[in-house]
């Protein structure tokens, strides 16, 4: 109703949040979603003619079928962002070639690629951003006939992609999951050279066949290997003079490939490249040193590496650094360690679920050093932290960082011995802690030696009880207890709990324990 009253006021129509909620509602009931479909349809009909930017990304095919909106009525439209399967793109009708079109294209479940009708349509010249995601590309096909079909489809996709890139002014190209064949890669790279003057964002993630069977069936071509891919791409990179964002994640590139890419970046004159995503590649600490050498040449140029906000850290604009769930790898640890040395303003460091190893943890803790600004440390869901070394290092770190008030180690270790060592080394001496989350429990190592389990289970609960007795600031404690075989040792904990006067919230989750 508000849009009907003043239809010419609305310059931006963004339905992405509605799309997210609609997809959840569709799973529950179709009735409320149809009402919202009608509302969106009316909004587009009454208020879209003056809109300059319309964002419909995230809608399912049901929404597209319901809308069927004719965007030729939107005379002021400058930018349209949509996501759809290939069969739904024919519903698009754009006003003229002045509209910038950003497409997110997924291939249907039946493994069909982009159809000819999409690229022969009149809006191919409008495409500025193209995202192509292959639904089931990472599933290796075993039989020869299926592999032949996949190879033919990849050939078809490559040819069509070259056609649309050659006839458009794409500034942003994202290809996810399309495993290119060896002889098609050079065709793609040559096409990228042709649009190098406008291309600013490029993502080629999961396009090598490093996790598929590299077997030729009946003379069919092989999927491109990580080594060949990075060699050819590194030679092509200097030509991409306008490129600012590059994503090569998930391609199985090793330390030798990292050296090739780092060298290509270093020797590229007047590079506009500011952001690189090299996650999910088996690159070691040595590879990180190659990248560090490049970044330190012009440290103010780089905005991010492996989703680490380098520029924000350097400017002191990242007080709450959240990298949870980012597998930035050992090479990312090298870069993050270097940038954290001067990031004195960091108050929250969230590294949960980052697959940290002992050595990675030691490097990161050393970079933070005796920071007096760090108040919250999240290391939960890092199961690769070894039982003995990593937690002892953390305990020592806690002794010298009395400003930390929040510590989260849930799911980082379930071993009674490691938790006992952590508590005795550092946490028990940290008087500033107000919020602590820990996992306590047995492991296969514990149960192979019952005396081992009993000894450290008793020690862990006893030290935790002593911590509760001495703590004068703890307000919240969350414990996740696994495979505790008796409550005999729990008495230590409850004795400490009775003498604690500050605790306000206690949460205990017990799994596999005795009643």
Protein backbone atom coordinates (compact mmCIF):
# COMPACT_ATOMS: atom_id res chain seq x y z
CA UNK A 1 0.00 0.00 0.00
CA UNK A 2 2.86 2.37 0.80
CA UNK A 3 4.42 1.68 -2.61
CA UNK A 4 1.12 2.25 -4.41
CA UNK A 5 0.81 5.67 -2.78
CA UNK A 6 4.28 6.86 -3.90
CA UNK A 7 5.36 4.48 -6.66
CA UNK A 8 8.15 6.72 -7.96
CA UNK A 9 10.16 6.88 -4.71
CA UNK A 10 11.66 3.40 -4.68
CA UNK A 11 15.15 3.18 -6.18
CA UNK A 12 16.33 -0.07 -4.56
CA UNK A 13 14.24 -3.23 -4.17
CA UNK A 14 16.14 -5.97 -2.32
CA UNK A 15 14.28 -9.24 -1.74
CA UNK A 16 17.24 -11.43 -0.67
CA UNK A 17 16.18 -11.67 2.98
CA UNK A 18 12.63 -12.51 1.90
CA UNK A 19 14.05 -15.26 -0.32
CA UNK A 20 15.91 -16.81 2.60
CA UNK A 21 12.80 -16.88 4.78
CA UNK A 22 10.56 -18.06 1.94
CA UNK A 23 12.75 -21.07 1.27
CA UNK A 24 12.32 -22.08 4.92
CA UNK A 25 8.57 -21.51 4.85
CA UNK A 26 8.18 -23.59 1.69
CA UNK A 27 9.41 -26.62 3.60
CA UNK A 28 6.63 -26.16 6.16
CA UNK A 29 3.65 -25.02 4.17
CA UNK A 30 2.85 -23.64 0.73
CA UNK A 31 0.01 -21.34 1.88
CA UNK A 32 2.02 -18.48 3.47
CA UNK A 33 4.57 -18.50 0.66
CA UNK A 34 1.92 -17.95 -2.01
CA UNK A 35 0.68 -14.90 -0.11
CA UNK A 36 4.18 -13.48 -0.08
CA UNK A 37 4.59 -14.30 -3.79
CA UNK A 38 1.52 -12.19 -4.51
CA UNK A 39 2.89 -9.33 -2.40
CA UNK A 40 6.21 -9.34 -4.22
CA UNK A 41 4.41 -9.48 -7.55
CA UNK A 42 2.37 -6.40 -6.61
CA UNK A 43 5.47 -4.57 -5.38
CA UNK A 44 7.19 -5.16 -8.70
CA UNK A 45 4.13 -4.15 -10.69
CA UNK A 46 3.45 -0.95 -8.74
CA UNK A 47 6.86 0.27 -7.67
CA UNK A 48 9.52 -1.26 -9.88
CA UNK A 49 9.22 1.10 -12.84
CA UNK A 50 11.34 3.71 -11.01
CA UNK A 51 13.73 1.19 -9.41
CA UNK A 52 17.38 1.35 -10.39
CA UNK A 53 18.55 -1.76 -8.51
CA UNK A 54 16.53 -4.96 -8.03
CA UNK A 55 17.98 -7.96 -6.16
CA UNK A 56 16.07 -11.26 -6.41
CA UNK A 57 18.92 -13.63 -5.58
CA UNK A 58 18.11 -16.74 -3.60
CA UNK A 59 14.60 -17.40 -4.86
CA UNK A 60 13.65 -20.96 -5.70
CA UNK A 61 12.20 -21.96 -9.05
CA UNK A 62 8.69 -21.82 -7.55
CA UNK A 63 9.08 -18.09 -7.00
CA UNK A 64 10.35 -17.52 -10.51
CA UNK A 65 7.45 -19.43 -11.99
CA UNK A 66 5.00 -17.38 -9.93
CA UNK A 67 6.53 -14.00 -10.70
CA UNK A 68 7.16 -14.06 -14.45
CA UNK A 69 7.76 -10.34 -14.18
CA UNK A 70 8.34 -8.33 -17.33
CA UNK A 71 11.34 -6.14 -16.46
CA UNK A 72 10.95 -4.18 -19.71
CA UNK A 73 8.56 -1.95 -17.72
CA UNK A 74 11.47 -0.91 -15.48
CA UNK A 75 12.72 1.98 -17.59
CA UNK A 76 15.19 3.16 -14.91
CA UNK A 77 16.65 -0.26 -14.17
CA UNK A 78 20.45 -0.16 -14.04
CA UNK A 79 21.24 -3.41 -12.25
CA UNK A 80 19.37 -6.69 -11.82
CA UNK A 81 20.66 -9.57 -9.69
CA UNK A 82 18.95 -12.95 -9.98
CA UNK A 83 19.66 -16.61 -9.25
CA UNK A 84 17.97 -19.37 -11.19
CA UNK A 85 18.41 -22.68 -12.90
CA UNK A 86 19.13 -22.54 -16.61
CA UNK A 87 15.55 -23.34 -17.61
CA UNK A 88 14.23 -20.33 -15.68
CA UNK A 89 16.40 -17.70 -17.34
CA UNK A 90 14.15 -17.55 -20.37
CA UNK A 91 11.56 -15.82 -18.13
CA UNK A 92 13.81 -12.76 -17.97
CA UNK A 93 12.80 -9.78 -20.08
CA UNK A 94 15.05 -6.75 -19.80
CA UNK A 95 14.33 -3.20 -21.00
CA UNK A 96 17.51 -2.66 -23.05
CA UNK A 97 21.22 -3.27 -23.11
CA UNK A 98 21.87 -0.53 -20.51
CA UNK A 99 20.80 -2.83 -17.69
CA UNK A 100 23.65 -4.65 -15.95
CA UNK A 101 22.65 -8.27 -15.30
CA UNK A 102 24.26 -10.36 -12.56
CA UNK A 103 23.35 -14.03 -12.97
CA UNK A 104 23.79 -16.90 -10.52
CA UNK A 105 23.26 -20.03 -12.61
CA UNK A 106 23.01 -23.57 -11.27
CA UNK A 107 22.73 -26.61 -13.49
CA UNK A 108 19.67 -28.80 -12.82
CA UNK A 109 19.97 -32.10 -10.98
CA UNK A 110 19.78 -34.08 -14.23
CA UNK A 111 23.28 -32.79 -15.05
CA UNK A 112 22.26 -30.61 -18.02
CA UNK A 113 24.50 -27.63 -18.68
CA UNK A 114 23.58 -24.13 -19.78
CA UNK A 115 21.22 -24.37 -22.70
CA UNK A 116 21.74 -22.74 -26.09
CA UNK A 117 18.59 -20.69 -25.68
CA UNK A 118 20.10 -18.83 -22.73
CA UNK A 119 23.12 -17.63 -24.67
CA UNK A 120 21.20 -16.94 -27.86
CA UNK A 121 18.79 -14.67 -26.02
CA UNK A 122 18.89 -10.92 -26.45
CA UNK A 123 20.25 -10.18 -23.00
CA UNK A 124 23.65 -11.87 -23.33
CA UNK A 125 25.23 -8.46 -23.94
CA UNK A 126 23.81 -7.22 -20.62
CA UNK A 127 25.63 -9.75 -18.45
CA UNK A 128 28.14 -8.11 -16.09
CA UNK A 129 28.36 -10.78 -13.42
CA UNK A 130 28.08 -14.49 -14.14
CA UNK A 131 28.09 -17.17 -11.44
CA UNK A 132 27.91 -20.81 -12.59
CA UNK A 133 27.59 -23.54 -9.98
CA UNK A 134 27.48 -27.21 -10.91
CA UNK A 135 25.17 -29.10 -8.53
CA UNK A 136 26.87 -32.49 -8.38
CA UNK A 137 30.20 -31.80 -10.03
CA UNK A 138 32.37 -33.23 -7.26
CA UNK A 139 30.86 -36.73 -7.46
CA UNK A 140 33.15 -39.01 -9.51
CA UNK A 141 31.39 -41.11 -12.09
CA UNK A 142 32.61 -44.68 -12.29
CA UNK A 143 31.29 -46.18 -15.49
CA UNK A 144 32.61 -45.33 -18.94
CA UNK A 145 29.26 -44.28 -20.44
CA UNK A 146 28.57 -41.79 -17.66
CA UNK A 147 32.09 -40.36 -17.92
CA UNK A 148 31.56 -39.88 -21.68
CA UNK A 149 28.36 -37.96 -20.98
CA UNK A 150 30.08 -35.76 -18.42
CA UNK A 151 32.94 -35.04 -20.82
CA UNK A 152 30.51 -34.08 -23.59
CA UNK A 153 28.57 -31.81 -21.24
CA UNK A 154 31.78 -30.12 -20.10
CA UNK A 155 32.69 -29.52 -23.73
CA UNK A 156 29.24 -28.05 -24.38
CA UNK A 157 29.49 -25.81 -21.33
CA UNK A 158 32.96 -24.57 -22.26
CA UNK A 159 31.88 -23.65 -25.79
CA UNK A 160 28.78 -21.81 -24.57
CA UNK A 161 30.75 -20.02 -21.86
CA UNK A 162 33.25 -18.76 -24.42
CA UNK A 163 30.36 -17.47 -26.56
CA UNK A 164 28.72 -15.53 -23.75
CA UNK A 165 32.00 -14.09 -22.47
CA UNK A 166 33.02 -13.01 -25.95
CA UNK A 167 29.73 -11.21 -26.59
CA UNK A 168 29.35 -9.50 -23.22
CA UNK A 169 31.14 -7.13 -20.87
CA UNK A 170 31.45 -9.41 -17.85
CA UNK A 171 33.19 -7.74 -14.91
CA UNK A 172 32.59 -10.56 -12.43
CA UNK A 173 32.92 -14.27 -13.28
CA UNK A 174 32.45 -17.12 -10.80
CA UNK A 175 32.85 -20.77 -11.83
CA UNK A 176 32.31 -23.28 -9.05
CA UNK A 177 32.57 -27.02 -9.38
CA UNK A 178 32.89 -27.39 -13.16
CA UNK A 179 35.81 -29.79 -13.58
CA UNK A 180 37.37 -28.62 -16.81
CA UNK A 181 39.08 -30.98 -19.17
CA UNK A 182 42.71 -30.38 -19.92
CA UNK A 183 42.28 -29.12 -23.47
CA UNK A 184 39.43 -26.76 -22.51
CA UNK A 185 41.39 -24.85 -19.90
CA UNK A 186 43.51 -23.00 -22.43
CA UNK A 187 40.36 -21.98 -24.33
CA UNK A 188 38.89 -20.51 -21.15
CA UNK A 189 42.09 -18.66 -20.26
CA UNK A 190 42.37 -17.23 -23.76
CA UNK A 191 38.79 -15.97 -23.44
CA UNK A 192 39.64 -14.34 -20.10
CA UNK A 193 42.52 -12.53 -21.79
CA UNK A 194 39.97 -11.15 -24.25
CA UNK A 195 37.92 -9.51 -21.47
CA UNK A 196 40.93 -8.58 -19.33
CA UNK A 197 40.14 -4.89 -19.77
CA UNK A 198 36.88 -5.14 -17.79
CA UNK A 199 37.21 -8.26 -15.61
CA UNK A 200 37.63 -7.25 -11.95
CA UNK A 201 36.46 -10.35 -10.04
CA UNK A 202 37.35 -13.96 -10.90
CA UNK A 203 36.58 -17.15 -9.02
CA UNK A 204 37.74 -20.51 -10.35
CA UNK A 205 37.07 -22.78 -7.38
CA UNK A 206 36.89 -26.59 -7.42
CA UNK A 207 37.50 -26.79 -11.15
CA UNK A 208 40.41 -29.25 -11.15
CA UNK A 209 39.97 -33.00 -10.98
CA UNK A 210 42.31 -33.59 -8.06
CA UNK A 211 39.66 -35.49 -6.08
CA UNK A 212 38.30 -37.41 -9.08
CA UNK A 213 39.75 -40.45 -10.77
CA UNK A 214 42.24 -39.19 -13.36
CA UNK A 215 41.63 -42.07 -15.72
CA UNK A 216 41.09 -41.79 -19.47
CA UNK A 217 38.30 -43.95 -20.82
CA UNK A 218 38.46 -44.90 -24.49
CA UNK A 219 40.56 -41.87 -25.42
CA UNK A 220 38.46 -39.32 -23.58
CA UNK A 221 40.32 -36.34 -22.21
CA UNK A 222 41.55 -36.12 -18.67
CA UNK A 223 40.39 -33.60 -16.12
CA UNK A 224 42.90 -30.82 -15.65
CA UNK A 225 45.35 -31.47 -12.80
CA UNK A 226 46.21 -28.89 -10.13
CA UNK A 227 49.78 -28.62 -11.42
CA UNK A 228 48.75 -27.90 -15.02
CA UNK A 229 46.01 -25.53 -13.90
CA UNK A 230 48.23 -23.32 -11.74
CA UNK A 231 51.03 -23.31 -14.34
CA UNK A 232 48.73 -22.08 -17.10
CA UNK A 233 46.82 -19.66 -14.90
CA UNK A 234 50.00 -18.11 -13.50
CA UNK A 235 51.18 -17.41 -17.03
CA UNK A 236 47.79 -15.82 -17.82
CA UNK A 237 47.59 -13.67 -14.66
CA UNK A 238 49.81 -10.76 -15.85
CA UNK A 239 47.35 -10.16 -18.70
CA UNK A 240 44.42 -9.68 -16.28
CA UNK A 241 45.41 -6.12 -15.49
CA UNK A 242 42.07 -4.99 -14.00
CA UNK A 243 41.61 -7.98 -11.71
CA UNK A 244 41.07 -6.97 -8.06
CA UNK A 245 39.60 -10.14 -6.50
CA UNK A 246 40.83 -13.67 -7.15
CA UNK A 247 39.51 -16.95 -5.72
CA UNK A 248 41.32 -20.22 -6.51
CA UNK A 249 40.10 -22.21 -3.50
CA UNK A 250 39.60 -25.97 -3.48
CA UNK A 251 41.80 -26.85 -6.44
CA UNK A 252 44.35 -29.09 -4.71
CA UNK A 253 47.23 -26.67 -5.38
CA UNK A 254 50.39 -27.48 -3.38
CA UNK A 255 53.37 -25.41 -2.22
CA UNK A 256 54.99 -25.47 -5.68
CA UNK A 257 51.82 -23.98 -7.14
CA UNK A 258 51.81 -21.32 -4.41
CA UNK A 259 55.33 -20.32 -5.47
CA UNK A 260 54.22 -20.01 -9.10
CA UNK A 261 51.25 -17.80 -8.20
CA UNK A 262 53.26 -15.64 -5.77
CA UNK A 263 55.94 -15.11 -8.40
CA UNK A 264 53.33 -14.17 -11.02
CA UNK A 265 51.80 -11.61 -8.65
CA UNK A 266 55.19 -10.15 -7.75
CA UNK A 267 56.24 -9.71 -11.36
CA UNK A 268 52.91 -8.25 -12.56
CA UNK A 269 53.38 -4.50 -13.15
CA UNK A 270 50.82 -2.05 -11.71
CA UNK A 271 48.71 -4.88 -10.32
CA UNK A 272 45.22 -3.96 -9.11
CA UNK A 273 44.91 -7.25 -7.24
CA UNK A 274 43.90 -6.65 -3.61
CA UNK A 275 42.11 -9.82 -2.45
CA UNK A 276 43.08 -13.49 -2.81
CA UNK A 277 41.23 -16.58 -1.57
CA UNK A 278 43.51 -19.62 -1.60
CA UNK A 279 41.64 -21.65 1.04
CA UNK A 280 41.22 -25.40 0.94
CA UNK A 281 44.50 -25.98 -0.88
CA UNK A 282 47.20 -28.22 0.66
CA UNK A 283 49.77 -25.42 0.96
CA UNK A 284 52.26 -25.62 3.85
CA UNK A 285 53.85 -22.94 6.03
CA UNK A 286 56.57 -22.63 3.40
CA UNK A 287 53.95 -21.57 0.85
CA UNK A 288 52.73 -18.95 3.31
CA UNK A 289 56.24 -17.47 3.38
CA UNK A 290 56.06 -17.00 -0.40
CA UNK A 291 52.84 -15.04 -0.09
CA UNK A 292 54.13 -13.05 2.89
CA UNK A 293 57.12 -11.90 0.85
CA UNK A 294 54.72 -10.58 -1.81
CA UNK A 295 52.35 -8.89 0.64
CA UNK A 296 55.09 -7.12 2.59
CA UNK A 297 56.33 -5.42 -0.57
CA UNK A 298 53.14 -3.31 -0.60
CA UNK A 299 51.33 -4.07 2.67
CA UNK A 300 48.75 -1.30 2.27
CA UNK A 301 47.60 -2.67 -1.09
CA UNK A 302 46.12 -5.92 0.21
CA UNK A 303 42.58 -6.04 1.57
CA UNK A 304 42.27 -9.75 2.31
CA UNK A 305 43.94 -13.13 2.00
CA UNK A 306 42.06 -16.38 2.64
CA UNK A 307 39.21 -14.22 4.01
CA UNK A 308 41.55 -12.63 6.58
CA UNK A 309 40.87 -8.85 6.57
CA UNK A 310 44.45 -7.64 6.16
CA UNK A 311 43.65 -4.00 5.48
CA UNK A 312 41.23 -3.73 8.39
CA UNK A 313 43.83 -5.27 10.73
CA UNK A 314 46.52 -2.87 9.52
CA UNK A 315 44.23 0.14 10.00
CA UNK A 316 43.07 -1.00 13.42
CA UNK A 317 39.49 -1.45 12.23
CA UNK A 318 39.02 -5.10 13.27
CA UNK A 319 38.50 -5.13 17.03
CA UNK A 320 36.32 -8.25 16.71
CA UNK A 321 38.10 -10.61 14.35
CA UNK A 322 35.75 -13.47 13.43
CA UNK A 323 37.30 -16.16 11.23
CA UNK A 324 35.11 -18.99 12.49
CA UNK A 325 34.75 -21.86 10.04
CA UNK A 326 37.44 -20.53 7.67
CA UNK A 327 39.97 -23.19 6.71
CA UNK A 328 42.70 -20.67 5.89
CA UNK A 329 45.36 -23.38 6.10
CA UNK A 330 48.96 -23.29 7.24
CA UNK A 331 49.79 -20.65 4.63
CA UNK A 332 46.99 -18.50 6.03
CA UNK A 333 48.42 -18.92 9.55
CA UNK A 334 51.71 -17.39 8.37
CA UNK A 335 49.94 -14.30 7.02
CA UNK A 336 47.57 -13.94 9.99
CA UNK A 337 50.48 -14.29 12.42
CA UNK A 338 52.40 -11.50 10.67
CA UNK A 339 49.42 -9.13 10.66
CA UNK A 340 48.40 -9.84 14.27
CA UNK A 341 51.80 -8.69 15.52
CA UNK A 342 50.76 -5.07 15.03
CA UNK A 343 47.00 -5.46 15.53
CA UNK A 344 46.97 -4.20 19.11
CA UNK A 345 43.29 -3.25 18.99
CA UNK A 346 41.94 -6.81 18.59
CA UNK A 347 39.58 -7.53 21.45
CA UNK A 348 37.88 -10.69 20.16
CA UNK A 349 39.72 -13.46 18.32
CA UNK A 350 37.34 -16.14 17.03
CA UNK A 351 39.21 -19.06 15.46
CA UNK A 352 36.57 -21.72 16.03
CA UNK A 353 36.44 -24.50 13.45
CA UNK A 354 39.60 -23.35 11.64
CA UNK A 355 41.33 -26.79 11.72
CA UNK A 356 44.26 -25.43 13.72
CA UNK A 357 47.23 -27.65 14.50
CA UNK A 358 49.57 -27.38 17.51
CA UNK A 359 52.13 -25.42 15.54
CA UNK A 360 49.47 -23.11 14.10
CA UNK A 361 48.14 -22.40 17.57
CA UNK A 362 51.60 -21.68 18.97
CA UNK A 363 52.36 -19.26 16.12
CA UNK A 364 49.10 -17.39 16.56
CA UNK A 365 49.40 -17.15 20.34
CA UNK A 366 52.97 -15.87 19.99
CA UNK A 367 51.81 -13.16 17.58
CA UNK A 368 49.19 -11.90 20.02
CA UNK A 369 51.85 -11.99 22.73
CA UNK A 370 51.06 -10.06 25.88
CA UNK A 371 48.18 -8.18 24.34
CA UNK A 372 46.20 -6.23 26.93
CA UNK A 373 43.30 -5.57 24.55
CA UNK A 374 42.35 -9.21 23.92
CA UNK A 375 39.34 -10.09 26.06
CA UNK A 376 37.67 -12.97 24.21
CA UNK A 377 39.35 -16.07 22.74
CA UNK A 378 37.37 -18.74 20.84
CA UNK A 379 39.20 -21.94 19.89
CA UNK A 380 36.26 -24.33 19.92
CA UNK A 381 35.83 -27.03 17.26
CA UNK A 382 39.56 -27.37 16.57
CA UNK A 383 40.00 -31.10 16.96
CA UNK A 384 43.47 -31.06 15.40
CA UNK A 385 44.97 -29.42 18.47
CA UNK A 386 47.03 -32.28 19.95
CA UNK A 387 46.31 -33.58 23.42
CA UNK A 388 49.50 -32.51 25.14
CA UNK A 389 51.41 -29.76 23.34
CA UNK A 390 48.73 -27.36 22.14
CA UNK A 391 46.89 -26.94 25.42
CA UNK A 392 50.05 -26.53 27.46
CA UNK A 393 51.03 -23.67 25.17
CA UNK A 394 47.59 -22.14 25.65
CA UNK A 395 47.89 -22.51 29.43
CA UNK A 396 51.17 -20.60 29.42
CA UNK A 397 49.60 -17.95 27.23
CA UNK A 398 46.72 -17.51 29.67
CA UNK A 399 49.11 -16.84 32.53
CA UNK A 400 50.42 -13.73 30.81
CA UNK A 401 47.11 -12.46 29.41
CA UNK A 402 45.03 -11.52 32.40
CA UNK A 403 42.73 -9.33 30.31
CA UNK A 404 40.92 -12.33 28.81
CA UNK A 405 37.39 -12.70 30.17
CA UNK A 406 35.86 -15.20 27.68
CA UNK A 407 37.44 -18.55 26.78
CA UNK A 408 35.73 -21.14 24.56
CA UNK A 409 37.33 -24.56 24.03
CA UNK A 410 34.28 -26.74 23.41
CA UNK A 411 34.99 -29.67 21.07
CA UNK A 412 38.69 -28.76 20.85
CA UNK A 413 39.58 -31.75 22.99
CA UNK A 414 37.61 -34.30 24.94
CA UNK A 415 40.59 -35.74 26.76
CA UNK A 416 40.73 -35.44 30.55
CA UNK A 417 44.52 -35.22 30.54
CA UNK A 418 44.72 -32.26 28.18
CA UNK A 419 42.03 -30.34 30.05
CA UNK A 420 43.75 -31.07 33.35
CA UNK A 421 47.00 -29.73 31.93
CA UNK A 422 45.30 -26.62 30.61
CA UNK A 423 43.58 -25.87 33.89
CA UNK A 424 46.71 -26.38 35.98
CA UNK A 425 48.99 -24.45 33.59
CA UNK A 426 47.03 -21.31 33.01
CA UNK A 427 43.29 -21.06 33.46
CA UNK A 428 43.35 -21.54 37.20
CA UNK A 429 45.70 -18.54 37.46
CA UNK A 430 43.59 -16.32 35.22
CA UNK A 431 41.54 -14.29 37.68
CA UNK A 432 39.77 -12.21 35.03
CA UNK A 433 37.75 -15.01 33.39
CA UNK A 434 34.00 -14.46 33.54
CA UNK A 435 32.81 -16.89 30.84
CA UNK A 436 34.34 -20.34 30.23
CA UNK A 437 33.20 -23.16 27.94
CA UNK A 438 35.03 -26.53 28.16
CA UNK A 439 34.71 -30.10 26.97
CA UNK A 440 35.64 -32.90 29.35
CA UNK A 441 35.66 -36.52 28.35
CA UNK A 442 37.31 -39.75 27.38
CA UNK A 443 38.94 -40.77 24.14
CA UNK A 444 39.91 -44.10 22.62
CA UNK A 445 43.36 -43.62 24.17
CA UNK A 446 41.78 -43.24 27.58
CA UNK A 447 39.67 -46.36 27.44
CA UNK A 448 42.52 -48.56 26.22
CA UNK A 449 44.08 -47.97 29.65
CA UNK A 450 41.49 -47.66 32.44
CA UNK A 451 44.04 -46.37 34.94
CA UNK A 452 44.95 -43.59 32.52
CA UNK A 453 41.32 -42.52 32.30
CA UNK A 454 40.64 -42.69 36.02
CA UNK A 455 43.78 -40.79 36.94
CA UNK A 456 43.21 -37.84 34.62
CA UNK A 457 39.45 -37.76 35.04
CA UNK A 458 39.98 -37.33 38.76
CA UNK A 459 42.69 -34.73 38.16
CA UNK A 460 40.55 -32.75 35.71
CA UNK A 461 37.56 -32.54 38.05
CA UNK A 462 39.76 -31.77 41.06
CA UNK A 463 41.56 -28.90 39.31
CA UNK A 464 38.25 -27.59 37.98
CA UNK A 465 36.89 -27.64 41.53
CA UNK A 466 39.91 -25.72 42.81
CA UNK A 467 39.43 -23.20 40.01
CA UNK A 468 35.84 -22.65 41.11
CA UNK A 469 36.96 -22.16 44.72
CA UNK A 470 39.53 -19.51 43.83
CA UNK A 471 37.70 -17.71 41.05
CA UNK A 472 36.35 -14.34 42.09
CA UNK A 473 35.02 -13.28 38.69
CA UNK A 474 33.53 -16.36 36.95
CA UNK A 475 29.86 -15.79 36.08
CA UNK A 476 29.11 -18.37 33.37
CA UNK A 477 30.43 -21.93 33.04
CA UNK A 478 29.44 -24.36 30.29
CA UNK A 479 30.67 -27.96 30.49
CA UNK A 480 30.25 -30.65 27.83
CA UNK A 481 31.04 -33.94 29.57
CA UNK A 482 31.65 -37.10 27.52
CA UNK A 483 31.99 -40.70 28.67
CA UNK A 484 32.45 -39.98 32.35
CA UNK A 485 32.16 -43.41 33.92
CA UNK A 486 31.21 -42.46 37.44
CA UNK A 487 30.27 -39.56 39.67
CA UNK A 488 33.04 -40.29 42.15
CA UNK A 489 35.21 -37.58 40.68
CA UNK A 490 32.33 -35.18 40.22
CA UNK A 491 32.36 -34.54 43.96
CA UNK A 492 35.52 -32.45 43.51
CA UNK A 493 33.64 -30.22 41.10
CA UNK A 494 30.58 -29.86 43.33
CA UNK A 495 32.73 -29.04 46.36
CA UNK A 496 34.24 -26.15 44.43
CA UNK A 497 30.83 -25.12 43.18
CA UNK A 498 29.46 -24.82 46.71
CA UNK A 499 32.24 -22.43 47.70
CA UNK A 500 31.95 -20.23 44.62
CA UNK A 501 30.06 -16.97 45.22
CA UNK A 502 30.18 -15.36 41.75
CA UNK A 503 28.79 -18.01 39.37
CA UNK A 504 25.37 -17.11 38.00
CA UNK A 505 24.92 -19.51 35.07
CA UNK A 506 25.89 -23.18 34.96
CA UNK A 507 25.24 -25.36 31.92
CA UNK A 508 26.18 -29.04 31.88
CA UNK A 509 25.67 -31.23 28.83
CA UNK A 510 26.40 -34.89 29.58
CA UNK A 511 26.71 -37.50 26.83
CA UNK A 512 27.45 -41.18 27.40
CA UNK A 513 27.79 -40.71 31.16
CA UNK A 514 26.45 -42.82 34.02
CA UNK A 515 23.12 -41.68 35.49
